[in-house]
């Protein structure tokens, strides 16, 4: 039988907090038409509404440091 190939896209957002900590939030299967403006809008909303807090003592979110869409291709070998 043929190998099975899977594609998986992940949006990786790295956020910065007031205590200097960073956290990565991965979102599976982002829409293909996603723009940097949409990501920034969501990050601003998260900051304004305290949706994300830091790990060290509940530090406030300063903002988004980076955002990247990672496109992985996985080949699953059929061993039968």
Protein backbone atom coordinates (compact mmCIF):
# COMPACT_ATOMS: atom_id res chain seq x y z
CA UNK A 1 0.00 0.00 0.00
CA UNK A 2 1.02 3.61 -0.54
CA UNK A 3 2.35 5.92 2.12
CA UNK A 4 -0.11 8.36 3.62
CA UNK A 5 0.87 12.02 3.46
CA UNK A 6 -0.66 14.54 5.84
CA UNK A 7 -0.25 18.30 5.74
CA UNK A 8 -0.72 20.27 8.91
CA UNK A 9 -0.57 24.03 9.30
CA UNK A 10 -0.03 25.68 12.66
CA UNK A 11 -0.08 29.37 13.53
CA UNK A 12 2.61 29.96 16.18
CA UNK A 13 2.21 33.20 18.12
CA UNK A 14 4.88 34.23 20.65
CA UNK A 15 3.65 36.67 23.30
CA UNK A 16 5.72 38.85 25.66
CA UNK A 17 4.77 39.61 29.24
CA UNK A 18 5.65 42.43 31.64
CA UNK A 19 7.98 40.16 33.64
CA UNK A 20 10.07 39.38 30.54
CA UNK A 21 8.57 35.92 30.07
CA UNK A 22 7.40 34.71 26.65
CA UNK A 23 4.72 32.14 25.86
CA UNK A 24 3.92 30.42 22.58
CA UNK A 25 0.31 29.83 21.57
CA UNK A 26 -0.19 27.35 18.72
CA UNK A 27 -3.41 27.37 16.71
CA UNK A 28 -4.05 24.45 14.37
CA UNK A 29 -5.30 24.93 10.82
CA UNK A 30 -5.35 28.72 10.49
CA UNK A 31 -7.31 30.09 7.55
CA UNK A 32 -5.28 30.52 4.36
CA UNK A 33 -6.25 34.17 4.01
CA UNK A 34 -5.03 35.15 7.51
CA UNK A 35 -3.28 38.52 7.54
CA UNK A 36 -0.79 40.10 9.92
CA UNK A 37 -3.37 42.82 10.63
CA UNK A 38 -5.85 40.15 11.84
CA UNK A 39 -3.20 38.58 14.09
CA UNK A 40 -2.29 41.99 15.53
CA UNK A 41 -5.97 42.81 16.08
CA UNK A 42 -6.43 39.59 18.03
CA UNK A 43 -3.26 40.24 20.07
CA UNK A 44 -4.48 43.75 20.92
CA UNK A 45 -7.85 42.32 21.97
CA UNK A 46 -6.12 39.72 24.16
CA UNK A 47 -4.05 42.45 25.83
CA UNK A 48 -6.99 44.82 26.38
CA UNK A 49 -9.19 42.07 27.83
CA UNK A 50 -6.50 40.27 29.89
CA UNK A 51 -7.10 37.00 28.03
CA UNK A 52 -3.51 35.85 28.46
CA UNK A 53 -1.49 36.22 31.65
CA UNK A 54 2.13 35.35 32.31
CA UNK A 55 3.26 32.29 34.18
CA UNK A 56 5.29 34.16 36.79
CA UNK A 57 2.89 35.82 39.21
CA UNK A 58 0.22 36.60 36.64
CA UNK A 59 2.21 39.23 34.73
CA UNK A 60 0.32 41.37 32.24
CA UNK A 61 0.56 40.78 28.50
CA UNK A 62 2.80 43.38 26.80
CA UNK A 63 2.08 42.27 23.24
CA UNK A 64 2.90 39.88 20.47
CA UNK A 65 6.57 39.26 19.63
CA UNK A 66 6.19 37.12 16.52
CA UNK A 67 3.70 35.16 14.48
CA UNK A 68 4.44 32.51 11.88
CA UNK A 69 2.46 29.91 9.95
CA UNK A 70 4.30 26.59 9.96
CA UNK A 71 3.33 24.15 7.21
CA UNK A 72 4.38 20.58 8.05
CA UNK A 73 4.17 17.63 5.73
CA UNK A 74 4.18 14.22 7.38
CA UNK A 75 4.62 10.95 5.56
CA UNK A 76 3.22 7.97 7.44
CA UNK A 77 4.81 4.75 6.27
CA UNK A 78 2.46 1.81 5.77
CA UNK A 79 4.18 -1.10 7.44
CA UNK A 80 1.53 -3.71 6.63
